[in-house]
């Protein structure tokens, strides 16, 4: 019995070593650079402690925790994550319920629903940036033709519309992912349970919340956790659609701006470190709130 754990660790050792090499080492370097004044193109740097996070000079506070643009990026990211993941979960379950029913051409509809998920994120973001353009975009053209607009709107430039546009594109892109997981879970719901609920007089809504939802809940929680991870570190959709606009700037876009545009490696690494901590905390809260635990068999429930 003692040899079995040793054998397991022996087989896992190469994978663990590779994981430490490609993930652990860059993460450790990023965290360490967050405590320096390193800059691109400048080989000399010094340890400055927590000054990138919070420091007081002459009675004024400086650093990330005193930076209003950083806190705006945090708020934008959390708002984007909550709204987009919520809408994707709701729409994904509804679409999965529709696709689980028997109707002609169901296989073709299922394949068509997955098309947005198959399109690379950069490609879909650029496609939507053209479609939402205020001069030649097809969205404005259709809305003007239908009389729903009196003049073209700059969907990704106006402060009141930019975040809604980014969320809409993300929901269009990733709802199929939730749909796929929910549809797979629905196939595991025993027909006997549904029939028993109907015999007891439960309607469709009561049947869903009392029978179907508890059974597919583990799969939905997996989908929510994965989508929350993606949404909290969102970069590509936000950057392609709105670039460095503070109205939609996410934490990842903020860190990229500091690292590349401003060439401040120390400050940008500190922002990336706080992003990692934020993602870890939010995911931990989601798992705790959903009472999801990892069993010995590696199954989320």
Protein backbone atom coordinates (compact mmCIF):
# COMPACT_ATOMS: atom_id res chain seq x y z
CA UNK A 1 0.00 0.00 0.00
CA UNK A 2 2.91 2.34 0.71
CA UNK A 3 4.34 1.80 -2.75
CA UNK A 4 1.17 2.97 -4.53
CA UNK A 5 1.40 6.64 -3.42
CA UNK A 6 5.08 6.65 -4.29
CA UNK A 7 4.32 5.28 -7.74
CA UNK A 8 1.60 7.88 -8.23
CA UNK A 9 3.97 10.73 -7.29
CA UNK A 10 6.62 9.23 -9.56
CA UNK A 11 4.28 9.36 -12.54
CA UNK A 12 3.10 12.86 -11.61
CA UNK A 13 6.60 14.25 -11.14
CA UNK A 14 7.29 15.14 -14.83
CA UNK A 15 3.93 16.92 -15.17
CA UNK A 16 4.43 18.79 -11.89
CA UNK A 17 7.93 19.83 -12.92
CA UNK A 18 6.66 21.09 -16.27
CA UNK A 19 3.83 22.97 -14.53
CA UNK A 20 6.27 24.65 -12.16
CA UNK A 21 8.50 25.57 -15.10
CA UNK A 22 5.84 27.08 -17.37
CA UNK A 23 3.48 28.53 -14.73
CA UNK A 24 5.09 28.70 -11.32
CA UNK A 25 8.34 30.38 -12.35
CA UNK A 26 6.73 33.20 -14.42
CA UNK A 27 4.22 33.81 -11.61
CA UNK A 28 7.00 34.00 -9.03
CA UNK A 29 8.96 36.43 -11.23
CA UNK A 30 5.91 38.61 -11.71
CA UNK A 31 5.25 38.74 -7.97
CA UNK A 32 8.89 39.57 -7.25
CA UNK A 33 9.01 42.34 -9.88
CA UNK A 34 6.00 43.91 -8.16
CA UNK A 35 8.33 44.86 -5.31
CA UNK A 36 10.84 46.62 -7.59
CA UNK A 37 11.11 49.77 -9.70
CA UNK A 38 12.05 47.77 -12.81
CA UNK A 39 11.38 49.31 -16.22
CA UNK A 40 11.67 48.04 -19.79
CA UNK A 41 15.02 48.88 -21.35
CA UNK A 42 16.60 49.66 -17.98
CA UNK A 43 18.75 46.77 -16.68
CA UNK A 44 19.18 48.37 -13.26
CA UNK A 45 16.38 48.06 -10.73
CA UNK A 46 16.01 48.21 -6.97
CA UNK A 47 13.81 46.67 -4.33
CA UNK A 48 11.27 49.21 -3.13
CA UNK A 49 9.05 47.01 -0.97
CA UNK A 50 5.33 47.74 -1.09
CA UNK A 51 5.67 51.17 -2.73
CA UNK A 52 4.00 49.95 -5.95
CA UNK A 53 1.00 48.92 -3.87
CA UNK A 54 0.78 51.77 -1.36
CA UNK A 55 3.21 54.46 -0.23
CA UNK A 56 3.01 57.84 1.45
CA UNK A 57 5.13 60.74 0.26
CA UNK A 58 4.69 64.18 1.75
CA UNK A 59 1.31 63.31 3.20
CA UNK A 60 -0.05 61.96 -0.11
CA UNK A 61 -0.76 58.33 -0.88
CA UNK A 62 0.58 56.71 -4.04
CA UNK A 63 0.48 53.22 -5.51
CA UNK A 64 -2.12 50.85 -6.90
CA UNK A 65 -4.35 50.92 -3.84
CA UNK A 66 -4.53 54.71 -4.11
CA UNK A 67 -4.87 54.80 -7.91
CA UNK A 68 -8.43 55.72 -8.99
CA UNK A 69 -7.84 54.29 -12.48
CA UNK A 70 -6.93 50.91 -10.96
CA UNK A 71 -10.07 50.87 -8.84
CA UNK A 72 -12.09 51.84 -11.90
CA UNK A 73 -10.55 48.84 -13.69
CA UNK A 74 -11.43 46.59 -10.74
CA UNK A 75 -15.04 47.79 -10.79
CA UNK A 76 -15.27 47.37 -14.56
CA UNK A 77 -13.91 43.82 -14.33
CA UNK A 78 -16.25 42.76 -11.52
CA UNK A 79 -19.25 44.31 -13.23
CA UNK A 80 -18.36 42.64 -16.52
CA UNK A 81 -17.88 39.26 -14.81
CA UNK A 82 -21.12 39.34 -12.82
CA UNK A 83 -23.35 40.52 -15.67
CA UNK A 84 -21.79 38.46 -18.46
CA UNK A 85 -21.54 35.20 -16.49
CA UNK A 86 -25.08 35.67 -15.16
CA UNK A 87 -26.54 36.24 -18.62
CA UNK A 88 -24.52 33.39 -20.14
CA UNK A 89 -25.72 30.97 -17.46
CA UNK A 90 -29.35 31.99 -17.85
CA UNK A 91 -29.33 31.92 -21.66
CA UNK A 92 -27.20 28.77 -21.75
CA UNK A 93 -29.71 26.83 -19.63
CA UNK A 94 -32.68 28.11 -21.65
CA UNK A 95 -31.06 27.19 -24.97
CA UNK A 96 -30.02 23.79 -23.59
CA UNK A 97 -33.61 23.09 -22.53
CA UNK A 98 -34.82 23.96 -26.02
CA UNK A 99 -32.15 21.82 -27.69
CA UNK A 100 -32.93 18.86 -25.44
CA UNK A 101 -36.45 18.65 -26.87
CA UNK A 102 -37.25 16.55 -29.92
CA UNK A 103 -37.84 18.53 -33.13
CA UNK A 104 -36.88 18.19 -36.81
CA UNK A 105 -33.37 19.40 -37.61
CA UNK A 106 -32.24 19.37 -33.98
CA UNK A 107 -28.74 18.14 -34.87
CA UNK A 108 -28.23 21.04 -37.30
CA UNK A 109 -29.45 23.59 -34.75
CA UNK A 110 -27.12 22.16 -32.12
CA UNK A 111 -24.18 22.50 -34.50
CA UNK A 112 -25.15 26.06 -35.43
CA UNK A 113 -25.39 27.12 -31.78
CA UNK A 114 -21.74 26.16 -31.24
CA UNK A 115 -20.44 28.33 -34.10
CA UNK A 116 -19.80 31.48 -31.98
CA UNK A 117 -17.78 29.41 -29.50
CA UNK A 118 -15.69 27.99 -32.35
CA UNK A 119 -14.73 31.44 -33.67
CA UNK A 120 -11.44 32.70 -32.16
CA UNK A 121 -12.02 35.47 -29.64
CA UNK A 122 -9.88 38.03 -31.46
CA UNK A 123 -11.69 37.31 -34.72
CA UNK A 124 -15.14 37.64 -33.18
CA UNK A 125 -14.17 40.84 -31.33
CA UNK A 126 -12.83 42.43 -34.52
CA UNK A 127 -15.90 41.29 -36.45
CA UNK A 128 -18.19 42.92 -33.90
CA UNK A 129 -16.09 46.09 -33.85
CA UNK A 130 -16.83 46.49 -37.57
CA UNK A 131 -20.50 45.59 -37.12
CA UNK A 132 -20.88 48.17 -34.31
CA UNK A 133 -19.03 50.94 -36.15
CA UNK A 134 -21.05 54.18 -36.20
CA UNK A 135 -20.18 54.94 -39.84
CA UNK A 136 -20.41 51.65 -41.76
CA UNK A 137 -21.57 49.13 -39.14
CA UNK A 138 -24.46 46.84 -40.06
CA UNK A 139 -26.02 47.12 -36.60
CA UNK A 140 -26.68 50.84 -36.97
CA UNK A 141 -27.82 50.28 -40.55
CA UNK A 142 -30.44 47.72 -39.50
CA UNK A 143 -31.68 49.77 -36.54
CA UNK A 144 -31.96 52.89 -38.71
CA UNK A 145 -33.81 50.92 -41.39
CA UNK A 146 -36.30 49.66 -38.80
CA UNK A 147 -36.80 53.15 -37.43
CA UNK A 148 -35.47 52.22 -33.99
CA UNK A 149 -32.72 54.85 -34.22
CA UNK A 150 -32.80 58.40 -35.51
CA UNK A 151 -29.02 58.66 -35.88
CA UNK A 152 -26.06 56.25 -35.77
CA UNK A 153 -24.61 55.37 -32.38
CA UNK A 154 -20.95 54.91 -31.54
CA UNK A 155 -21.54 51.71 -29.59
CA UNK A 156 -17.97 51.14 -28.46
CA UNK A 157 -17.02 54.82 -27.99
CA UNK A 158 -19.90 56.31 -26.00
CA UNK A 159 -19.36 55.84 -22.22
CA UNK A 160 -22.95 54.76 -21.65
CA UNK A 161 -22.86 52.07 -24.35
CA UNK A 162 -19.28 50.78 -24.37
CA UNK A 163 -19.53 48.36 -21.44
CA UNK A 164 -22.93 47.08 -22.59
CA UNK A 165 -21.46 46.43 -26.05
CA UNK A 166 -18.50 44.51 -24.61
CA UNK A 167 -20.81 42.40 -22.44
CA UNK A 168 -23.11 41.72 -25.40
CA UNK A 169 -20.21 40.48 -27.54
CA UNK A 170 -18.90 38.28 -24.74
CA UNK A 171 -22.36 36.78 -24.12
CA UNK A 172 -22.73 36.04 -27.83
CA UNK A 173 -19.28 34.40 -27.88
CA UNK A 174 -19.39 32.23 -24.75
CA UNK A 175 -23.04 31.33 -24.14
CA UNK A 176 -22.54 28.19 -26.30
CA UNK A 177 -19.96 26.96 -23.77
CA UNK A 178 -22.54 27.03 -20.97
CA UNK A 179 -25.14 25.57 -23.32
CA UNK A 180 -22.87 22.65 -24.15
CA UNK A 181 -22.25 21.77 -20.50
CA UNK A 182 -25.90 22.24 -19.55
CA UNK A 183 -27.06 20.13 -22.51
CA UNK A 184 -24.68 17.34 -21.56
CA UNK A 185 -25.98 17.44 -17.99
CA UNK A 186 -29.60 17.35 -19.17
CA UNK A 187 -28.92 14.06 -20.95
CA UNK A 188 -28.17 12.53 -17.55
CA UNK A 189 -31.50 13.50 -15.97
CA UNK A 190 -33.47 10.23 -15.55
CA UNK A 191 -36.77 10.23 -17.40
CA UNK A 192 -38.32 8.40 -14.46
CA UNK A 193 -37.75 11.43 -12.21
CA UNK A 194 -39.50 13.73 -14.66
CA UNK A 195 -42.38 11.32 -15.12
CA UNK A 196 -42.77 10.95 -11.36
CA UNK A 197 -42.91 14.73 -10.96
CA UNK A 198 -45.60 14.99 -13.65
CA UNK A 199 -47.63 12.21 -12.03
CA UNK A 200 -47.46 14.14 -8.76
CA UNK A 201 -48.98 17.12 -10.58
CA UNK A 202 -45.87 19.28 -10.94
CA UNK A 203 -45.91 21.72 -13.85
CA UNK A 204 -42.99 22.38 -16.17
CA UNK A 205 -41.57 25.17 -14.00
CA UNK A 206 -41.89 23.20 -10.76
CA UNK A 207 -40.41 20.14 -12.43
CA UNK A 208 -37.38 22.13 -13.59
CA UNK A 209 -36.60 23.72 -10.22
CA UNK A 210 -37.40 20.64 -8.12
CA UNK A 211 -36.00 17.85 -10.31
CA UNK A 212 -33.90 19.02 -13.25
CA UNK A 213 -31.97 21.92 -11.71
CA UNK A 214 -30.64 19.98 -8.67
CA UNK A 215 -29.35 17.25 -11.00
CA UNK A 216 -27.60 19.58 -13.48
CA UNK A 217 -26.37 21.95 -10.75
CA UNK A 218 -22.84 20.44 -10.52
CA UNK A 219 -22.32 20.92 -14.27
CA UNK A 220 -23.63 24.48 -14.05
CA UNK A 221 -21.27 25.24 -11.18
CA UNK A 222 -18.34 23.98 -13.25
CA UNK A 223 -19.45 26.23 -16.11
CA UNK A 224 -19.82 29.23 -13.78
CA UNK A 225 -16.38 28.69 -12.24
CA UNK A 226 -14.66 28.40 -15.63
CA UNK A 227 -16.53 31.39 -17.02
CA UNK A 228 -15.77 33.44 -13.90
CA UNK A 229 -12.07 32.68 -14.37
CA UNK A 230 -12.21 33.82 -17.99
CA UNK A 231 -14.32 36.91 -17.25
CA UNK A 232 -12.12 38.17 -14.41
CA UNK A 233 -9.00 38.04 -16.57
CA UNK A 234 -10.71 39.32 -19.71
CA UNK A 235 -8.41 41.18 -22.06
CA UNK A 236 -8.87 40.48 -25.77
CA UNK A 237 -12.53 41.48 -26.22
CA UNK A 238 -12.13 44.65 -24.15
CA UNK A 239 -8.89 45.71 -25.82
CA UNK A 240 -10.02 45.05 -29.40
CA UNK A 241 -13.38 46.79 -28.97
CA UNK A 242 -12.43 49.76 -26.77
CA UNK A 243 -8.62 49.76 -26.50
CA UNK A 244 -7.45 51.59 -23.33
CA UNK A 245 -10.69 53.41 -22.59
CA UNK A 246 -11.16 53.86 -18.84
CA UNK A 247 -14.91 53.29 -19.28
CA UNK A 248 -14.30 49.59 -19.99
CA UNK A 249 -10.68 49.03 -18.92
CA UNK A 250 -10.28 45.69 -17.16
CA UNK A 251 -7.54 44.75 -14.72
CA UNK A 252 -5.71 42.85 -17.47
CA UNK A 253 -5.86 45.85 -19.82
CA UNK A 254 -4.59 48.10 -17.00
CA UNK A 255 -1.65 45.76 -16.32
CA UNK A 256 -0.84 45.60 -20.03
CA UNK A 257 -0.92 49.39 -20.30
CA UNK A 258 1.53 49.78 -17.42
CA UNK A 259 3.86 47.06 -18.71
CA UNK A 260 3.89 47.87 -22.44
CA UNK A 261 2.69 51.44 -23.01
CA UNK A 262 4.27 53.01 -19.92
CA UNK A 263 7.11 50.41 -19.72
CA UNK A 264 6.76 50.31 -15.93
CA UNK A 265 7.51 46.67 -15.19
CA UNK A 266 7.31 47.07 -11.42
CA UNK A 267 3.94 48.80 -11.36
CA UNK A 268 2.51 46.53 -14.07
CA UNK A 269 3.72 43.41 -12.25
CA UNK A 270 2.08 44.65 -9.07
CA UNK A 271 -1.18 45.09 -10.98
CA UNK A 272 -0.86 41.58 -12.44
CA UNK A 273 -0.24 40.20 -8.94
CA UNK A 274 -3.36 41.89 -7.57
CA UNK A 275 -5.29 40.51 -10.55
CA UNK A 276 -4.14 37.00 -9.64
CA UNK A 277 -5.13 37.51 -5.99
CA UNK A 278 -8.53 38.92 -7.01
CA UNK A 279 -9.26 35.97 -9.31
CA UNK A 280 -8.26 33.49 -6.61
CA UNK A 281 -10.45 35.17 -3.98
CA UNK A 282 -13.52 35.45 -6.24
CA UNK A 283 -13.29 31.84 -7.38
CA UNK A 284 -12.91 30.73 -3.75
CA UNK A 285 -16.05 32.71 -2.87
CA UNK A 286 -17.96 31.20 -5.80
CA UNK A 287 -16.97 27.68 -4.78
CA UNK A 288 -17.84 28.34 -1.16
CA UNK A 289 -21.18 29.95 -1.99
CA UNK A 290 -22.12 27.06 -4.26
CA UNK A 291 -20.91 24.51 -1.69
CA UNK A 292 -18.78 22.87 -4.34
CA UNK A 293 -16.06 20.54 -3.16
CA UNK A 294 -13.52 18.40 -4.93
CA UNK A 295 -13.98 14.75 -4.01
CA UNK A 296 -11.27 12.13 -3.97
CA UNK A 297 -12.46 10.97 -7.38
CA UNK A 298 -11.87 14.47 -8.79
CA UNK A 299 -15.54 15.24 -9.36
CA UNK A 300 -17.00 18.66 -8.58
CA UNK A 301 -20.23 18.46 -6.68
